[in-house]
Amino acid sequence: MKNIRLVLVLLFLGLNAYSQDRGKKENLFEMQKVKVIIDIDKNVFTNVYANMYVSKKPNALVVALFLPISYNQQKLKLDALFVSKKMKIKGEKMIRGKKVLFMKGTINKEGIDFIKEVYYLKYNKKTSIELTIMLDINADAKYKKMINEIVYSVIEKN
């Protein structure tokens, strides 16, 4: 339960960084309610909020959000995000025929080391999708494969 609260607080604080005025904040919170199409095993993950899924076995988190920022604007912000989130790798690559921005690194939450991956993809001219994945660094290969399939599903279906 502490993990879920911590994630929600971090998510809230992170989302505030995207909005500068009241109108943008309202737009951002409305966009959070819009469902991102995602194929996810509901036997492994529990849906705790619109596009937020958590798992205890393995310890994992999946959050997908629409952001009121274009892909190109997000690309310009990537360097600042990379430094502030203390990630190790960043770039742009093609995944399933679409350009995707990404950052990867490891973080420690409550004594557990996680692989953290953040992806940004274009949704339309003014909107992008942020997909954040956190997976226990010691998770079995089958869960790592499952995470890859989740990433592919978001990229292909949105």
C-alpha atoms as a PDB file:
ATOM      1  CA  MET A   1       0.000   0.000   0.000  1.00  0.00           C
ATOM      2  CA  LYS A   2       2.912   2.346   0.769  1.00  0.00           C
ATOM      3  CA  ASN A   3       4.298   1.666  -2.713  1.00  0.00           C
ATOM      4  CA  ILE A   4       1.019   2.669  -4.328  1.00  0.00           C
ATOM      5  CA  ARG A   5       0.805   5.879  -2.301  1.00  0.00           C
ATOM      6  CA  LEU A   6       4.414   6.709  -3.079  1.00  0.00           C
ATOM      7  CA  VAL A   7       3.854   6.120  -6.782  1.00  0.00           C
ATOM      8  CA  LEU A   8       0.721   8.263  -6.785  1.00  0.00           C
ATOM      9  CA  VAL A   9       2.539  11.117  -5.023  1.00  0.00           C
ATOM     10  CA  LEU A  10       5.484  10.889  -7.424  1.00  0.00           C
ATOM     11  CA  LEU A  11       3.118  10.753 -10.386  1.00  0.00           C
ATOM     12  CA  PHE A  12       1.230  13.814  -9.154  1.00  0.00           C
ATOM     13  CA  LEU A  13       4.435  15.786  -8.605  1.00  0.00           C
ATOM     14  CA  GLY A  14       5.817  14.757 -11.967  1.00  0.00           C
ATOM     15  CA  LEU A  15       2.662  15.739 -13.773  1.00  0.00           C
ATOM     16  CA  ASN A  16       2.687  19.189 -12.206  1.00  0.00           C
ATOM     17  CA  ALA A  17       6.004  19.807 -13.944  1.00  0.00           C
ATOM     18  CA  TYR A  18       4.190  19.589 -17.283  1.00  0.00           C
ATOM     19  CA  SER A  19       1.673  22.292 -16.506  1.00  0.00           C
ATOM     20  CA  GLN A  20       2.461  25.963 -16.069  1.00  0.00           C
ATOM     21  CA  ASP A  21      -0.993  27.481 -15.656  1.00  0.00           C
ATOM     22  CA  ARG A  22      -4.420  26.491 -14.380  1.00  0.00           C
ATOM     23  CA  GLY A  23      -5.830  25.705 -17.831  1.00  0.00           C
ATOM     24  CA  LYS A  24      -2.992  23.364 -18.639  1.00  0.00           C
ATOM     25  CA  LYS A  25      -3.319  21.640 -15.251  1.00  0.00           C
ATOM     26  CA  GLU A  26      -7.025  21.052 -15.790  1.00  0.00           C
ATOM     27  CA  ASN A  27      -6.326  19.741 -19.279  1.00  0.00           C
ATOM     28  CA  LEU A  28      -3.634  17.429 -17.939  1.00  0.00           C
ATOM     29  CA  PHE A  29      -5.881  15.952 -15.263  1.00  0.00           C
ATOM     30  CA  GLU A  30      -8.686  15.454 -17.783  1.00  0.00           C
ATOM     31  CA  MET A  31      -6.238  13.698 -20.104  1.00  0.00           C
ATOM     32  CA  GLN A  32      -5.229  11.332 -17.278  1.00  0.00           C
ATOM     33  CA  LYS A  33      -8.742   9.930 -17.320  1.00  0.00           C
ATOM     34  CA  VAL A  34      -8.546   9.021 -21.014  1.00  0.00           C
ATOM     35  CA  LYS A  35      -7.780   5.338 -21.433  1.00  0.00           C
ATOM     36  CA  VAL A  36      -4.558   4.441 -23.209  1.00  0.00           C
ATOM     37  CA  ILE A  37      -5.021   1.222 -25.173  1.00  0.00           C
ATOM     38  CA  ILE A  38      -2.756  -1.341 -23.557  1.00  0.00           C
ATOM     39  CA  ASP A  39      -2.594  -5.131 -23.542  1.00  0.00           C
ATOM     40  CA  ILE A  40      -1.750  -6.177 -20.011  1.00  0.00           C
ATOM     41  CA  ASP A  41      -2.139  -9.473 -18.165  1.00  0.00           C
ATOM     42  CA  LYS A  42      -4.750  -8.761 -15.503  1.00  0.00           C
ATOM     43  CA  ASN A  43      -3.762 -11.972 -13.696  1.00  0.00           C
ATOM     44  CA  VAL A  44      -0.386 -10.371 -12.983  1.00  0.00           C
ATOM     45  CA  PHE A  45      -1.250  -6.652 -12.821  1.00  0.00           C
ATOM     46  CA  THR A  46      -3.946  -4.868 -10.818  1.00  0.00           C
ATOM     47  CA  ASN A  47      -5.477  -1.694 -12.250  1.00  0.00           C
ATOM     48  CA  VAL A  48      -5.275   0.951  -9.502  1.00  0.00           C
ATOM     49  CA  TYR A  49      -6.175   4.042 -11.548  1.00  0.00           C
ATOM     50  CA  ALA A  50      -7.149   4.835 -15.147  1.00  0.00           C
ATOM     51  CA  ASN A  51      -3.860   3.823 -16.783  1.00  0.00           C
ATOM     52  CA  MET A  52      -1.856   2.657 -13.766  1.00  0.00           C
ATOM     53  CA  TYR A  53      -1.152  -0.995 -13.074  1.00  0.00           C
ATOM     54  CA  VAL A  54       0.852  -2.560 -10.249  1.00  0.00           C
ATOM     55  CA  SER A  55       2.066  -6.049  -9.490  1.00  0.00           C
ATOM     56  CA  LYS A  56       3.468  -7.628  -6.347  1.00  0.00           C
ATOM     57  CA  LYS A  57       4.948 -10.651  -8.141  1.00  0.00           C
ATOM     58  CA  PRO A  58       7.046  -9.451  -9.736  1.00  0.00           C
ATOM     59  CA  ASN A  59       7.302  -5.992  -8.174  1.00  0.00           C
ATOM     60  CA  ALA A  60       6.315  -3.876 -11.147  1.00  0.00           C
ATOM     61  CA  LEU A  61       4.521  -0.714 -12.175  1.00  0.00           C
ATOM     62  CA  VAL A  62       3.086   0.347 -15.534  1.00  0.00           C
ATOM     63  CA  VAL A  63       1.756   3.880 -16.042  1.00  0.00           C
ATOM     64  CA  ALA A  64       0.551   5.224 -19.393  1.00  0.00           C
ATOM     65  CA  LEU A  65      -0.531   8.852 -19.758  1.00  0.00           C
ATOM     66  CA  PHE A  66      -1.617  11.244 -22.442  1.00  0.00           C
ATOM     67  CA  LEU A  67       0.371  14.480 -22.178  1.00  0.00           C
ATOM     68  CA  PRO A  68      -0.696  17.851 -23.614  1.00  0.00           C
ATOM     69  CA  ILE A  69       2.664  18.291 -25.323  1.00  0.00           C
ATOM     70  CA  SER A  70       3.709  17.442 -28.858  1.00  0.00           C
ATOM     71  CA  TYR A  71       6.296  14.772 -29.585  1.00  0.00           C
ATOM     72  CA  ASN A  72       8.695  17.431 -30.893  1.00  0.00           C
ATOM     73  CA  GLN A  73       8.298  19.561 -27.755  1.00  0.00           C
ATOM     74  CA  GLN A  74       8.859  16.448 -25.641  1.00  0.00           C
ATOM     75  CA  LYS A  75      11.998  15.743 -27.636  1.00  0.00           C
ATOM     76  CA  LEU A  76      13.332  19.187 -26.667  1.00  0.00           C
ATOM     77  CA  LYS A  77      12.578  18.502 -22.974  1.00  0.00           C
ATOM     78  CA  LEU A  78      14.232  15.073 -22.980  1.00  0.00           C
ATOM     79  CA  ASP A  79      17.661  16.312 -21.857  1.00  0.00           C
ATOM     80  CA  ALA A  80      16.237  18.087 -18.798  1.00  0.00           C
ATOM     81  CA  LEU A  81      14.070  15.077 -17.930  1.00  0.00           C
ATOM     82  CA  PHE A  82      17.046  12.757 -18.374  1.00  0.00           C
ATOM     83  CA  VAL A  83      19.110  14.698 -15.830  1.00  0.00           C
ATOM     84  CA  SER A  84      16.278  15.254 -13.327  1.00  0.00           C
ATOM     85  CA  LYS A  85      15.244  11.593 -13.329  1.00  0.00           C
ATOM     86  CA  LYS A  86      18.872  10.401 -13.083  1.00  0.00           C
ATOM     87  CA  MET A  87      18.570   7.996 -15.979  1.00  0.00           C
ATOM     88  CA  LYS A  88      21.551   6.257 -17.617  1.00  0.00           C
ATOM     89  CA  ILE A  89      20.515   5.905 -21.281  1.00  0.00           C
ATOM     90  CA  LYS A  90      18.363   8.095 -23.524  1.00  0.00           C
ATOM     91  CA  GLY A  91      17.633   8.465 -27.180  1.00  0.00           C
ATOM     92  CA  GLU A  92      15.206   8.072 -30.020  1.00  0.00           C
ATOM     93  CA  LYS A  93      14.647   4.827 -31.879  1.00  0.00           C
ATOM     94  CA  MET A  94      12.177   3.064 -34.114  1.00  0.00           C
ATOM     95  CA  ILE A  95       9.962   0.517 -32.378  1.00  0.00           C
ATOM     96  CA  ARG A  96       7.376  -1.302 -34.455  1.00  0.00           C
ATOM     97  CA  GLY A  97       7.718   1.304 -37.202  1.00  0.00           C
ATOM     98  CA  LYS A  98       7.204   4.367 -34.973  1.00  0.00           C
ATOM     99  CA  LYS A  99       9.702   6.893 -33.631  1.00  0.00           C
ATOM    100  CA  VAL A 100       9.906   6.660 -29.859  1.00  0.00           C
ATOM    101  CA  LEU A 101      11.884   8.688 -27.334  1.00  0.00           C
ATOM    102  CA  PHE A 102      13.174   6.668 -24.402  1.00  0.00           C
ATOM    103  CA  MET A 103      15.122   6.847 -21.151  1.00  0.00           C
ATOM    104  CA  LYS A 104      16.374   3.911 -19.098  1.00  0.00           C
ATOM    105  CA  GLY A 105      18.031   3.564 -15.745  1.00  0.00           C
ATOM    106  CA  THR A 106      17.856   1.910 -12.355  1.00  0.00           C
ATOM    107  CA  ILE A 107      16.251   3.297  -9.228  1.00  0.00           C
ATOM    108  CA  ASN A 108      15.796   2.083  -5.679  1.00  0.00           C
ATOM    109  CA  LYS A 109      12.417   2.342  -3.972  1.00  0.00           C
ATOM    110  CA  GLU A 110      12.024   1.071  -0.413  1.00  0.00           C
ATOM    111  CA  GLY A 111      15.099  -1.140  -0.677  1.00  0.00           C
ATOM    112  CA  ILE A 112      14.136  -2.719  -4.010  1.00  0.00           C
ATOM    113  CA  ASP A 113      16.158  -2.054  -7.168  1.00  0.00           C
ATOM    114  CA  PHE A 114      14.042  -1.443 -10.253  1.00  0.00           C
ATOM    115  CA  ILE A 115      14.784  -1.097 -13.932  1.00  0.00           C
ATOM    116  CA  LYS A 116      12.950   2.047 -14.981  1.00  0.00           C
ATOM    117  CA  GLU A 117      12.057   2.715 -18.603  1.00  0.00           C
ATOM    118  CA  VAL A 118      10.196   5.776 -19.855  1.00  0.00           C
ATOM    119  CA  TYR A 119       8.897   6.000 -23.429  1.00  0.00           C
ATOM    120  CA  TYR A 120       7.332   8.943 -25.266  1.00  0.00           C
ATOM    121  CA  LEU A 121       5.423   8.478 -28.487  1.00  0.00           C
ATOM    122  CA  LYS A 122       3.460  10.752 -30.749  1.00  0.00           C
ATOM    123  CA  TYR A 123      -0.310  10.452 -30.455  1.00  0.00           C
ATOM    124  CA  ASN A 124      -1.376  13.437 -32.562  1.00  0.00           C
ATOM    125  CA  LYS A 125      -0.093  16.898 -33.464  1.00  0.00           C
ATOM    126  CA  LYS A 126      -0.468  18.322 -29.935  1.00  0.00           C
ATOM    127  CA  THR A 127      -0.459  15.223 -27.751  1.00  0.00           C
ATOM    128  CA  SER A 128       2.036  12.541 -26.816  1.00  0.00           C
ATOM    129  CA  ILE A 129       1.862   9.422 -24.675  1.00  0.00           C
ATOM    130  CA  GLU A 130       4.242   8.746 -21.798  1.00  0.00           C
ATOM    131  CA  LEU A 131       4.696   5.121 -20.802  1.00  0.00           C
ATOM    132  CA  THR A 132       6.619   4.463 -17.584  1.00  0.00           C
ATOM    133  CA  ILE A 133       7.647   0.948 -16.656  1.00  0.00           C
ATOM    134  CA  MET A 134       9.318  -0.139 -13.426  1.00  0.00           C
ATOM    135  CA  LEU A 135      10.308  -3.775 -13.003  1.00  0.00           C
ATOM    136  CA  ASP A 136      12.199  -5.470 -10.179  1.00  0.00           C
ATOM    137  CA  ILE A 137      15.757  -5.856 -11.413  1.00  0.00           C
ATOM    138  CA  ASN A 138      15.693  -9.527 -10.317  1.00  0.00           C
ATOM    139  CA  ALA A 139      12.491 -10.404 -12.196  1.00  0.00           C
ATOM    140  CA  ASP A 140      12.436 -13.582 -14.276  1.00  0.00           C
ATOM    141  CA  ALA A 141      12.994 -13.369 -18.035  1.00  0.00           C
ATOM    142  CA  LYS A 142       9.313 -14.174 -18.665  1.00  0.00           C
ATOM    143  CA  TYR A 143       8.313 -10.944 -16.876  1.00  0.00           C
ATOM    144  CA  LYS A 144      10.864  -8.936 -18.842  1.00  0.00           C
ATOM    145  CA  LYS A 145       9.341 -10.356 -22.013  1.00  0.00           C
ATOM    146  CA  MET A 146       5.865  -9.457 -20.704  1.00  0.00           C
ATOM    147  CA  ILE A 147       7.016  -5.868 -20.136  1.00  0.00           C
ATOM    148  CA  ASN A 148       8.335  -5.691 -23.709  1.00  0.00           C
ATOM    149  CA  GLU A 149       4.959  -6.889 -24.995  1.00  0.00           C
ATOM    150  CA  ILE A 150       3.226  -4.156 -22.969  1.00  0.00           C
ATOM    151  CA  VAL A 151       5.503  -1.539 -24.547  1.00  0.00           C
ATOM    152  CA  TYR A 152       4.811  -2.922 -28.031  1.00  0.00           C
ATOM    153  CA  SER A 153       1.052  -2.930 -27.434  1.00  0.00           C
ATOM    154  CA  VAL A 154       0.999   0.739 -26.407  1.00  0.00           C
ATOM    155  CA  ILE A 155       3.105   1.713 -29.417  1.00  0.00           C
ATOM    156  CA  GLU A 156       1.068  -0.328 -31.907  1.00  0.00           C
ATOM    157  CA  LYS A 157      -2.440   0.432 -30.654  1.00  0.00           C
ATOM    158  CA  ASN A 158      -2.272   4.163 -29.942  1.00  0.00           C
END
